[in-house]
Amino acid sequence: MKLAETYAPGRGLYGVATLAGLTDVDAITLSMATSARDGATEPRVAANAIVIAALTNSLVSWGSCSGWGAAAEAPRRRRDRSAARGRRRRAPRALRA
């Protein structure tokens, strides 16, 4: 973070926020809040970095859930498709005449 502040004060922090948001938002939030409080970073830049980290983290979480959910859903879809192709499912014994 110190390297980003030194060599690219605005844009560098946004890149660090994006990378930090891939895994966790807490660390970048605390770091940016402390940096803004101490005057090392403008409050506007710190707030933008926190928002970028939160959005990145949300997108990563959404993608992860979508991927794992689709993988878990695949066997059931395959079973339902084969039933729809013409294999008739029998009613439970209690409902048969």
N, C-alpha and C. Protein backbone atom coordinates (compact mmCIF):
# COMPACT_ATOMS: atom_id res chain seq x y z
N MET A 1 0.82 -1.18 0.00
CA MET A 1 0.00 0.00 0.00
C MET A 1 0.87 1.25 0.00
N LYS A 2 1.96 1.21 0.76
CA LYS A 2 2.86 2.36 0.80
C LYS A 2 3.48 2.61 -0.57
N LEU A 3 3.80 1.56 -1.30
CA LEU A 3 4.35 1.73 -2.65
C LEU A 3 3.33 2.40 -3.57
N ALA A 4 2.08 2.01 -3.45
CA ALA A 4 1.03 2.61 -4.28
C ALA A 4 0.85 4.08 -3.94
N GLU A 5 0.90 4.41 -2.66
CA GLU A 5 0.77 5.81 -2.25
C GLU A 5 1.95 6.64 -2.75
N THR A 6 3.14 6.04 -2.76
CA THR A 6 4.34 6.77 -3.14
C THR A 6 4.43 6.98 -4.65
N TYR A 7 4.24 5.93 -5.43
CA TYR A 7 4.48 6.00 -6.86
C TYR A 7 3.25 6.37 -7.70
N ALA A 8 2.07 6.09 -7.21
CA ALA A 8 0.84 6.42 -7.96
C ALA A 8 -0.25 6.75 -6.95
N PRO A 9 -0.26 7.97 -6.42
CA PRO A 9 -1.14 8.30 -5.31
C PRO A 9 -2.63 8.00 -5.51
N GLY A 10 -3.21 8.28 -6.64
CA GLY A 10 -4.64 8.03 -6.82
C GLY A 10 -4.91 6.68 -7.43
N ARG A 11 -4.37 6.47 -8.61
CA ARG A 11 -4.65 5.24 -9.37
C ARG A 11 -4.08 3.99 -8.69
N GLY A 12 -2.93 4.12 -8.08
CA GLY A 12 -2.31 2.97 -7.44
C GLY A 12 -3.15 2.42 -6.30
N LEU A 13 -3.76 3.31 -5.55
CA LEU A 13 -4.61 2.86 -4.45
C LEU A 13 -5.84 2.13 -4.97
N TYR A 14 -6.35 2.56 -6.11
CA TYR A 14 -7.51 1.89 -6.68
C TYR A 14 -7.14 0.47 -7.13
N GLY A 15 -5.95 0.30 -7.68
CA GLY A 15 -5.48 -1.03 -8.05
C GLY A 15 -5.30 -1.93 -6.84
N VAL A 16 -4.72 -1.37 -5.78
CA VAL A 16 -4.55 -2.13 -4.54
C VAL A 16 -5.92 -2.51 -3.97
N ALA A 17 -6.87 -1.59 -4.04
CA ALA A 17 -8.22 -1.87 -3.54
C ALA A 17 -8.87 -2.98 -4.35
N THR A 18 -8.65 -2.98 -5.65
CA THR A 18 -9.22 -4.04 -6.49
C THR A 18 -8.61 -5.39 -6.11
N LEU A 19 -7.30 -5.44 -5.97
CA LEU A 19 -6.64 -6.70 -5.59
C LEU A 19 -7.06 -7.15 -4.20
N ALA A 20 -7.18 -6.21 -3.27
CA ALA A 20 -7.59 -6.57 -1.90
C ALA A 20 -9.03 -7.06 -1.88
N GLY A 21 -9.87 -6.49 -2.73
CA GLY A 21 -11.27 -6.89 -2.78
C GLY A 21 -11.48 -8.30 -3.30
N LEU A 22 -10.47 -8.86 -3.97
CA LEU A 22 -10.60 -10.23 -4.46
C LEU A 22 -10.76 -11.22 -3.31
N THR A 23 -10.20 -10.90 -2.17
CA THR A 23 -10.24 -11.84 -1.05
C THR A 23 -11.00 -11.30 0.16
N ASP A 24 -10.74 -10.06 0.54
CA ASP A 24 -11.31 -9.55 1.79
C ASP A 24 -11.43 -8.04 1.71
N VAL A 25 -12.42 -7.48 2.37
CA VAL A 25 -12.64 -6.04 2.35
C VAL A 25 -12.20 -5.38 3.65
N ASP A 26 -12.14 -6.15 4.71
CA ASP A 26 -11.85 -5.58 6.03
C ASP A 26 -10.49 -4.88 6.09
N ALA A 27 -9.48 -5.52 5.55
CA ALA A 27 -8.12 -4.97 5.65
C ALA A 27 -8.01 -3.64 4.91
N ILE A 28 -8.53 -3.57 3.69
CA ILE A 28 -8.42 -2.33 2.92
C ILE A 28 -9.28 -1.24 3.54
N THR A 29 -10.41 -1.62 4.15
CA THR A 29 -11.27 -0.64 4.80
C THR A 29 -10.55 0.00 5.98
N LEU A 30 -9.94 -0.83 6.82
CA LEU A 30 -9.22 -0.29 7.98
C LEU A 30 -8.01 0.53 7.54
N SER A 31 -7.31 0.05 6.54
CA SER A 31 -6.12 0.75 6.06
C SER A 31 -6.48 2.11 5.46
N MET A 32 -7.51 2.14 4.65
CA MET A 32 -7.93 3.41 4.03
C MET A 32 -8.48 4.39 5.06
N ALA A 33 -9.23 3.88 6.02
CA ALA A 33 -9.78 4.75 7.07
C ALA A 33 -8.66 5.38 7.90
N THR A 34 -7.67 4.57 8.24
CA THR A 34 -6.52 5.09 9.00
C THR A 34 -5.73 6.08 8.18
N SER A 35 -5.52 5.77 6.92
CA SER A 35 -4.76 6.65 6.04
C SER A 35 -5.47 7.99 5.84
N ALA A 36 -6.78 7.96 5.71
CA ALA A 36 -7.54 9.21 5.55
C ALA A 36 -7.54 10.00 6.86
N ARG A 37 -7.66 9.31 7.99
CA ARG A 37 -7.65 9.99 9.28
C ARG A 37 -6.31 10.67 9.54
N ASP A 38 -5.22 10.02 9.15
CA ASP A 38 -3.89 10.58 9.38
C ASP A 38 -3.51 11.64 8.36
N GLY A 39 -4.30 11.79 7.31
CA GLY A 39 -4.04 12.81 6.31
C GLY A 39 -3.13 12.36 5.18
N ALA A 40 -2.77 11.09 5.15
CA ALA A 40 -1.89 10.58 4.09
C ALA A 40 -2.65 10.42 2.78
N THR A 41 -3.95 10.24 2.86
CA THR A 41 -4.79 10.06 1.67
C THR A 41 -6.00 10.96 1.80
N GLU A 42 -6.45 11.49 0.68
CA GLU A 42 -7.67 12.30 0.70
C GLU A 42 -8.85 11.40 1.08
N PRO A 43 -9.78 11.92 1.86
CA PRO A 43 -10.94 11.11 2.24
C PRO A 43 -11.75 10.61 1.03
N ARG A 44 -11.84 11.42 -0.02
CA ARG A 44 -12.57 11.01 -1.22
C ARG A 44 -11.91 9.81 -1.88
N VAL A 45 -10.59 9.83 -1.98
CA VAL A 45 -9.84 8.72 -2.58
C VAL A 45 -9.99 7.47 -1.71
N ALA A 46 -9.92 7.63 -0.39
CA ALA A 46 -10.07 6.49 0.52
C ALA A 46 -11.47 5.88 0.39
N ALA A 47 -12.49 6.73 0.32
CA ALA A 47 -13.86 6.23 0.19
C ALA A 47 -14.04 5.50 -1.14
N ASN A 48 -13.48 6.05 -2.21
CA ASN A 48 -13.58 5.38 -3.51
C ASN A 48 -12.88 4.03 -3.50
N ALA A 49 -11.73 3.97 -2.85
CA ALA A 49 -10.99 2.70 -2.77
C ALA A 49 -11.79 1.65 -2.01
N ILE A 50 -12.46 2.07 -0.94
CA ILE A 50 -13.28 1.13 -0.16
C ILE A 50 -14.45 0.63 -1.00
N VAL A 51 -15.08 1.51 -1.75
CA VAL A 51 -16.20 1.12 -2.61
C VAL A 51 -15.73 0.16 -3.70
N ILE A 52 -14.58 0.44 -4.29
CA ILE A 52 -14.03 -0.45 -5.32
C ILE A 52 -13.75 -1.83 -4.74
N ALA A 53 -13.17 -1.88 -3.55
CA ALA A 53 -12.88 -3.17 -2.92
C ALA A 53 -14.17 -3.93 -2.62
N ALA A 54 -15.19 -3.21 -2.14
CA ALA A 54 -16.46 -3.88 -1.82
C ALA A 54 -17.15 -4.40 -3.07
N LEU A 55 -17.13 -3.62 -4.15
CA LEU A 55 -17.74 -4.08 -5.40
C LEU A 55 -16.98 -5.28 -5.98
N THR A 56 -15.67 -5.22 -5.93
CA THR A 56 -14.87 -6.34 -6.42
C THR A 56 -15.18 -7.60 -5.62
N ASN A 57 -15.25 -7.46 -4.31
CA ASN A 57 -15.53 -8.60 -3.45
C ASN A 57 -16.92 -9.16 -3.73
N SER A 58 -17.89 -8.30 -3.97
CA SER A 58 -19.25 -8.75 -4.28
C SER A 58 -19.28 -9.51 -5.60
N LEU A 59 -18.58 -9.00 -6.60
CA LEU A 59 -18.55 -9.67 -7.90
C LEU A 59 -17.87 -11.04 -7.81
N VAL A 60 -16.79 -11.11 -7.05
CA VAL A 60 -16.10 -12.39 -6.87
C VAL A 60 -17.00 -13.38 -6.14
N SER A 61 -17.70 -12.92 -5.12
CA SER A 61 -18.60 -13.79 -4.37
C SER A 61 -19.75 -14.26 -5.26
N TRP A 62 -20.31 -13.38 -6.05
CA TRP A 62 -21.39 -13.74 -6.96
C TRP A 62 -20.92 -14.79 -7.97
N GLY A 63 -19.74 -14.56 -8.54
CA GLY A 63 -19.21 -15.52 -9.50
C GLY A 63 -18.95 -16.88 -8.88
N SER A 64 -18.44 -16.87 -7.67
CA SER A 64 -18.17 -18.12 -6.97
C SER A 64 -19.47 -18.88 -6.70
N CYS A 65 -20.47 -18.18 -6.22
CA CYS A 65 -21.76 -18.83 -5.94
C CYS A 65 -22.41 -19.33 -7.22
N SER A 66 -22.31 -18.57 -8.28
CA SER A 66 -22.89 -18.99 -9.56
C SER A 66 -22.21 -20.25 -10.07
N GLY A 67 -20.90 -20.28 -10.00
CA GLY A 67 -20.16 -21.43 -10.48
C GLY A 67 -20.43 -22.68 -9.67
N TRP A 68 -20.38 -22.57 -8.34
CA TRP A 68 -20.63 -23.73 -7.49
C TRP A 68 -22.08 -24.17 -7.57
N GLY A 69 -22.99 -23.21 -7.68
CA GLY A 69 -24.41 -23.56 -7.77
C GLY A 69 -24.72 -24.28 -9.06
N ALA A 70 -24.13 -23.84 -10.17
CA ALA A 70 -24.37 -24.49 -11.45
C ALA A 70 -23.79 -25.90 -11.44
N ALA A 71 -22.65 -26.07 -10.82
CA ALA A 71 -22.04 -27.41 -10.75
C ALA A 71 -22.89 -28.35 -9.90
N ALA A 72 -23.46 -27.85 -8.85
CA ALA A 72 -24.30 -28.68 -7.99
C ALA A 72 -25.64 -29.00 -8.65
N GLU A 73 -26.10 -28.12 -9.48
CA GLU A 73 -27.39 -28.28 -10.14
C GLU A 73 -27.32 -29.22 -11.35
N ALA A 74 -26.15 -29.43 -11.93
CA ALA A 74 -26.00 -30.21 -13.17
C ALA A 74 -26.55 -31.63 -13.08
N PRO A 75 -26.27 -32.41 -12.04
CA PRO A 75 -26.81 -33.78 -12.01
C PRO A 75 -28.33 -33.81 -12.00
N ARG A 76 -28.95 -32.89 -11.31
CA ARG A 76 -30.41 -32.87 -11.26
C ARG A 76 -30.99 -32.49 -12.62
N ARG A 77 -30.37 -31.55 -13.29
CA ARG A 77 -30.85 -31.17 -14.62
C ARG A 77 -30.74 -32.34 -15.59
N ARG A 78 -29.63 -33.07 -15.51
CA ARG A 78 -29.45 -34.22 -16.38
C ARG A 78 -30.54 -35.25 -16.14
N ARG A 79 -30.86 -35.50 -14.90
CA ARG A 79 -31.90 -36.47 -14.54
C ARG A 79 -33.26 -36.00 -15.04
N ASP A 80 -33.56 -34.72 -14.88
CA ASP A 80 -34.84 -34.18 -15.33
C ASP A 80 -34.96 -34.23 -16.85
N ARG A 81 -33.87 -33.98 -17.56
CA ARG A 81 -33.90 -34.03 -19.02
C ARG A 81 -34.18 -35.45 -19.51
N SER A 82 -33.56 -36.43 -18.89
CA SER A 82 -33.78 -37.81 -19.32
C SER A 82 -35.22 -38.23 -19.04
N ALA A 83 -35.82 -37.73 -17.99
CA ALA A 83 -37.21 -38.04 -17.69
C ALA A 83 -38.14 -37.38 -18.71
N ALA A 84 -37.77 -36.22 -19.18
CA ALA A 84 -38.61 -35.50 -20.14
C ALA A 84 -38.52 -36.10 -21.54
N ARG A 85 -37.50 -36.90 -21.81
CA ARG A 85 -37.33 -37.49 -23.14
C ARG A 85 -38.28 -38.64 -23.41
N GLY A 86 -39.04 -39.06 -22.45
CA GLY A 86 -39.98 -40.12 -22.72
C GLY A 86 -40.02 -41.19 -21.67
N ARG A 87 -39.08 -41.21 -20.80
CA ARG A 87 -39.15 -42.19 -19.73
C ARG A 87 -40.17 -41.71 -18.72
N ARG A 88 -41.25 -42.41 -18.65
CA ARG A 88 -42.32 -41.99 -17.76
C ARG A 88 -42.01 -42.43 -16.34
N ARG A 89 -42.21 -41.55 -15.44
CA ARG A 89 -41.98 -41.88 -14.04
C ARG A 89 -43.26 -42.45 -13.46
N ARG A 90 -43.13 -43.51 -12.75
CA ARG A 90 -44.30 -44.16 -12.14
C ARG A 90 -44.70 -43.44 -10.87
N ALA A 91 -45.97 -43.50 -10.60
CA ALA A 91 -46.48 -42.90 -9.37
C ALA A 91 -46.08 -43.77 -8.18
N PRO A 92 -45.97 -43.20 -7.02
CA PRO A 92 -45.66 -44.02 -5.84
C PRO A 92 -46.74 -45.09 -5.63
N ARG A 93 -46.39 -46.19 -4.98
CA ARG A 93 -47.33 -47.30 -4.78
C ARG A 93 -48.61 -46.88 -4.09
N ALA A 94 -48.51 -45.98 -3.18
CA ALA A 94 -49.70 -45.55 -2.45
C ALA A 94 -50.70 -44.85 -3.37
N LEU A 95 -50.24 -44.28 -4.47
CA LEU A 95 -51.15 -43.57 -5.38
C LEU A 95 -51.60 -44.40 -6.55
N ARG A 96 -51.06 -45.59 -6.73
CA ARG A 96 -51.45 -46.42 -7.88
C ARG A 96 -52.82 -47.04 -7.63
N ALA A 97 -53.55 -47.22 -8.70
CA ALA A 97 -54.90 -47.80 -8.58
C ALA A 97 -54.88 -49.29 -8.57
